[in-house]
N, C-alpha and C. Protein backbone atom coordinates (compact mmCIF):
# COMPACT_ATOMS: atom_id res chain seq x y z
N MET A 1 96.91 131.56 74.17
CA MET A 1 96.12 131.80 75.62
C MET A 1 95.16 132.55 75.83
N SER A 2 95.31 133.80 75.21
CA SER A 2 94.62 134.85 75.59
C SER A 2 92.77 134.54 75.49
N LEU A 3 92.58 133.38 74.47
CA LEU A 3 91.18 132.81 73.92
C LEU A 3 91.15 131.66 75.82
N THR A 4 92.11 131.08 75.95
CA THR A 4 91.92 130.77 77.11
C THR A 4 91.52 131.64 78.19
N GLN A 5 92.11 132.21 78.27
CA GLN A 5 92.00 133.53 79.18
C GLN A 5 90.32 133.72 79.98
N ASP A 6 89.71 134.13 78.49
CA ASP A 6 88.61 134.43 78.47
C ASP A 6 87.30 133.35 78.42
N CYS A 7 87.81 132.21 78.45
CA CYS A 7 86.76 131.12 77.96
C CYS A 7 86.32 130.40 79.57
N ALA A 8 84.87 129.48 79.13
CA ALA A 8 84.63 129.37 80.82
C ALA A 8 85.10 128.16 80.97
N ALA A 9 85.23 126.67 79.84
CA ALA A 9 86.10 125.82 79.88
C ALA A 9 86.53 125.33 78.72
N VAL A 10 87.35 124.53 78.59
CA VAL A 10 87.96 124.05 77.37
C VAL A 10 87.73 122.56 76.80
N VAL A 11 87.67 122.24 75.72
CA VAL A 11 87.29 120.99 74.98
C VAL A 11 88.33 120.59 74.25
N THR A 12 88.78 119.60 74.72
CA THR A 12 90.60 119.40 73.71
C THR A 12 91.19 117.57 73.80
N ASP A 13 92.06 117.75 72.86
CA ASP A 13 92.33 116.49 72.80
C ASP A 13 93.42 116.43 72.45
N SER A 14 94.37 117.83 73.39
CA SER A 14 95.60 118.11 73.17
C SER A 14 96.24 117.91 74.82
N GLY A 15 97.30 116.84 74.81
CA GLY A 15 97.63 117.02 76.01
C GLY A 15 98.88 118.00 76.90
N GLY A 16 99.33 118.81 76.22
CA GLY A 16 99.98 120.07 76.82
C GLY A 16 98.80 121.06 77.22
N TYR A 17 97.53 121.03 75.96
CA TYR A 17 96.57 121.95 76.60
C TYR A 17 95.65 121.82 77.80
N GLN A 18 95.96 120.68 77.91
CA GLN A 18 95.01 120.25 79.27
C GLN A 18 95.60 120.64 80.52
N LYS A 19 96.77 120.88 80.40
CA LYS A 19 97.73 121.17 81.78
C LYS A 19 97.42 122.42 81.45
N GLU A 20 97.81 123.34 80.34
CA GLU A 20 98.11 124.83 79.94
C GLU A 20 96.77 125.28 80.45
N ALA A 21 95.62 124.72 80.19
CA ALA A 21 94.07 124.99 81.15
C ALA A 21 94.28 124.99 82.66
N TYR A 22 94.54 124.00 82.91
CA TYR A 22 94.50 124.18 84.77
C TYR A 22 95.41 125.19 84.67
N TYR A 23 96.68 125.64 84.44
CA TYR A 23 97.37 126.64 84.59
C TYR A 23 96.25 128.09 84.77
N ALA A 24 95.35 128.07 83.75
CA ALA A 24 94.54 129.20 83.61
C ALA A 24 93.85 129.46 84.26
N GLY A 25 93.52 128.34 85.23
CA GLY A 25 91.99 128.15 85.46
C GLY A 25 90.82 127.35 85.33
N LYS A 26 90.98 126.72 83.81
CA LYS A 26 89.58 126.54 83.15
C LYS A 26 89.68 125.00 83.20
N ARG A 27 88.50 124.16 83.15
CA ARG A 27 88.39 123.12 83.27
C ARG A 27 88.38 122.53 82.43
N ALA A 28 89.09 121.38 81.46
CA ALA A 28 89.05 120.52 80.79
C ALA A 28 88.01 119.50 80.44
N VAL A 29 87.33 119.44 79.10
CA VAL A 29 86.95 118.26 78.61
C VAL A 29 87.82 117.66 77.73
N VAL A 30 88.35 116.28 78.11
CA VAL A 30 89.12 115.80 77.31
C VAL A 30 89.14 114.72 76.12
N LEU A 31 88.80 114.82 75.17
CA LEU A 31 87.88 114.39 74.13
C LEU A 31 89.16 112.55 73.78
N MET A 32 89.34 111.89 74.86
CA MET A 32 90.09 111.03 74.74
C MET A 32 89.82 109.68 75.86
N PRO A 33 89.96 108.75 75.51
CA PRO A 33 89.37 107.69 76.74
C PRO A 33 90.47 107.72 77.81
N ASP A 34 91.88 108.22 77.92
CA ASP A 34 92.91 108.30 78.90
C ASP A 34 93.27 109.89 78.74
N THR A 35 94.25 110.08 79.80
CA THR A 35 95.19 111.15 79.30
C THR A 35 96.55 110.95 80.53
N GLY A 36 97.88 111.50 79.51
CA GLY A 36 98.47 111.26 80.57
C GLY A 36 99.13 112.11 81.94
N TRP A 37 97.88 113.04 82.05
CA TRP A 37 97.68 114.41 83.32
C TRP A 37 96.67 113.37 84.13
N ARG A 38 96.83 112.84 84.41
CA ARG A 38 95.71 111.40 85.44
C ARG A 38 95.25 112.26 86.62
N GLU A 39 96.62 113.07 87.37
CA GLU A 39 96.35 113.75 88.33
C GLU A 39 95.20 114.77 88.39
N LEU A 40 95.32 115.36 87.06
CA LEU A 40 93.88 116.35 86.96
C LEU A 40 92.63 115.78 86.66
N VAL A 41 92.40 114.79 86.24
CA VAL A 41 91.33 113.69 86.09
C VAL A 41 91.12 113.33 87.27
N GLU A 42 91.90 112.56 88.19
CA GLU A 42 91.55 111.83 89.82
C GLU A 42 91.38 113.25 90.69
N GLU A 43 91.73 114.12 90.83
CA GLU A 43 91.11 115.76 91.04
C GLU A 43 90.08 116.27 91.01
N GLY A 44 89.24 115.44 89.71
CA GLY A 44 87.86 115.88 89.45
C GLY A 44 88.17 117.17 88.39
N TRP A 45 89.24 117.92 88.25
CA TRP A 45 88.98 118.88 87.56
C TRP A 45 88.81 118.82 86.05
N ASN A 46 89.61 117.77 85.65
CA ASN A 46 89.66 117.83 84.26
C ASN A 46 88.51 116.19 83.67
N LEU A 47 87.47 116.84 82.69
CA LEU A 47 86.56 114.97 82.72
C LEU A 47 87.06 114.40 81.62
N LEU A 48 87.32 113.21 81.55
CA LEU A 48 87.23 112.65 79.92
C LEU A 48 86.33 112.22 79.44
N CYS A 49 85.90 112.08 78.22
CA CYS A 49 84.76 111.79 77.46
C CYS A 49 85.11 111.64 76.00
N ASP A 50 84.51 110.88 75.91
CA ASP A 50 84.33 110.00 73.98
C ASP A 50 83.85 110.87 73.32
N PRO A 51 84.11 110.43 72.55
CA PRO A 51 83.99 111.73 71.36
C PRO A 51 82.74 111.38 70.86
N ASP A 52 81.55 111.96 71.40
CA ASP A 52 79.57 111.65 71.14
C ASP A 52 79.57 112.95 71.50
N ALA A 53 78.65 113.22 70.62
CA ALA A 53 78.06 114.35 70.58
C ALA A 53 77.41 114.83 71.73
N GLU A 54 76.57 113.98 72.16
CA GLU A 54 75.67 114.00 73.47
C GLU A 54 76.34 113.65 74.66
N ARG A 55 77.22 112.80 74.71
CA ARG A 55 78.34 113.00 75.74
C ARG A 55 79.26 114.16 75.92
N ILE A 56 79.54 114.28 74.72
CA ILE A 56 80.32 115.63 75.21
C ILE A 56 79.55 116.70 75.14
N ALA A 57 78.10 117.19 74.92
CA ALA A 57 77.24 118.00 75.91
C ALA A 57 77.33 117.77 77.23
N HIS A 58 76.73 116.96 77.37
CA HIS A 58 76.60 116.77 78.94
C HIS A 58 78.02 116.79 79.61
N THR A 59 79.15 116.55 79.39
CA THR A 59 80.32 116.82 79.96
C THR A 59 80.56 117.87 79.89
N ILE A 60 80.30 119.20 78.87
CA ILE A 60 80.76 120.37 79.09
C ILE A 60 80.02 120.98 79.80
N THR A 61 78.27 120.55 79.77
CA THR A 61 77.59 120.93 81.10
C THR A 61 78.37 120.58 82.54
N THR A 62 78.76 119.68 82.77
CA THR A 62 79.32 119.39 84.37
C THR A 62 80.62 120.12 84.06
N ALA A 63 81.34 120.57 83.41
CA ALA A 63 83.05 121.15 83.52
C ALA A 63 82.22 122.54 83.70
N LEU A 64 81.23 122.89 83.44
CA LEU A 64 80.91 124.76 83.66
C LEU A 64 80.39 125.23 84.85
N ALA A 65 79.87 123.75 85.65
CA ALA A 65 80.08 123.51 87.21
C ALA A 65 81.02 124.34 87.60
N SER A 66 80.54 124.75 88.80
CA SER A 66 81.64 125.15 89.81
C SER A 66 82.36 124.16 90.28
N ALA A 67 83.50 124.10 90.45
CA ALA A 67 84.34 123.17 91.22
C ALA A 67 85.73 123.82 91.53
N PRO A 68 85.95 123.57 92.87
CA PRO A 68 87.04 123.96 93.39
C PRO A 68 88.67 123.91 92.56
N ARG A 69 89.19 124.25 92.12
CA ARG A 69 90.66 124.19 91.50
C ARG A 69 91.28 123.71 92.37
N PRO A 70 92.34 122.43 92.18
CA PRO A 70 93.40 122.03 93.31
C PRO A 70 94.26 122.56 92.83
N GLU A 71 94.73 123.45 94.29
CA GLU A 71 95.80 123.89 94.13
C GLU A 71 97.51 123.08 94.37
N ASN A 72 98.30 123.87 93.66
CA ASN A 72 99.44 123.04 93.83
C ASN A 72 99.70 121.81 93.13
N LEU A 73 99.18 121.21 92.77
CA LEU A 73 98.87 120.21 92.32
C LEU A 73 100.43 119.48 91.21
N PHE A 74 100.93 120.91 90.85
CA PHE A 74 102.38 120.37 89.98
C PHE A 74 103.13 121.25 91.11
N GLY A 75 103.46 121.27 91.95
CA GLY A 75 104.22 121.83 92.85
C GLY A 75 103.64 123.41 93.01
N GLU A 76 104.67 124.04 94.00
CA GLU A 76 104.90 125.27 94.28
C GLU A 76 105.50 126.60 93.25
N GLY A 77 106.02 126.33 91.97
CA GLY A 77 106.47 126.91 91.06
C GLY A 77 108.12 127.59 91.74
N ASN A 78 108.52 126.58 92.47
CA ASN A 78 109.95 127.25 92.86
C ASN A 78 110.86 126.12 92.97
N ALA A 79 111.22 125.38 92.04
CA ALA A 79 111.63 124.20 91.81
C ALA A 79 113.47 124.66 90.99
N GLY A 80 112.85 125.95 90.55
CA GLY A 80 114.41 126.12 90.06
C GLY A 80 115.27 127.17 91.27
N GLU A 81 114.56 127.76 92.35
CA GLU A 81 115.12 128.25 93.38
C GLU A 81 115.65 127.15 93.83
N LYS A 82 115.27 126.09 94.43
CA LYS A 82 115.87 124.70 95.14
C LYS A 82 116.82 124.13 94.43
N ILE A 83 116.85 124.15 92.93
CA ILE A 83 117.81 123.38 92.69
C ILE A 83 118.91 124.82 92.61
N ILE A 84 118.88 125.70 92.26
CA ILE A 84 120.15 126.89 92.32
C ILE A 84 120.42 126.40 93.88
N SER A 85 120.14 126.46 95.25
CA SER A 85 120.12 126.22 96.02
C SER A 85 121.27 124.71 96.84
N ILE A 86 120.68 124.13 96.13
CA ILE A 86 121.35 122.37 95.96
C ILE A 86 122.75 122.79 95.30
N MET A 87 122.55 122.93 94.15
CA MET A 87 123.66 123.69 93.33
C MET A 87 125.19 124.24 94.15
N LEU A 88 124.53 124.98 94.68
CA LEU A 88 125.34 126.16 95.79
C LEU A 88 125.98 125.80 97.47
N GLY A 89 125.13 124.48 97.30
CA GLY A 89 125.30 124.25 98.97
C GLY A 89 124.75 124.79 99.58
N THR A 90 123.40 125.72 99.50
CA THR A 90 122.84 126.65 100.32
C THR A 90 121.71 126.18 100.76
N PRO A 91 121.47 126.07 101.98
CA PRO A 91 120.01 125.79 102.25
C PRO A 91 119.20 126.67 101.81
N TYR A 92 117.79 125.95 101.06
CA TYR A 92 116.31 126.48 100.63
C TYR A 92 115.48 127.10 101.54
N HIS A 93 115.10 128.52 101.77
CA HIS A 93 114.47 128.76 102.22
C HIS A 93 113.13 129.41 101.52
N ASP A 94 111.19 128.91 101.96
CA ASP A 94 110.57 129.27 101.51
C ASP A 94 110.04 130.61 102.23
């Protein structure tokens, strides 16, 4: 993850790394025809790319362009607190 923190964007075929890159604030060029993380592609954050050298180079250039990072795409990080509140029968407050 330290390499991810210091990079401009990532190129991967790893499903897990696509999401880790999102959390690190890095766009991912995904070398697959589809991904399990459709929301990252639909929001324009991750870019799907055929494994062709010219297409990869073009897609990396696109990924390096500035784009707003979709916020709270996978929640706000407070699911644990909500679950405990439900289990204890107490109201959850943000």
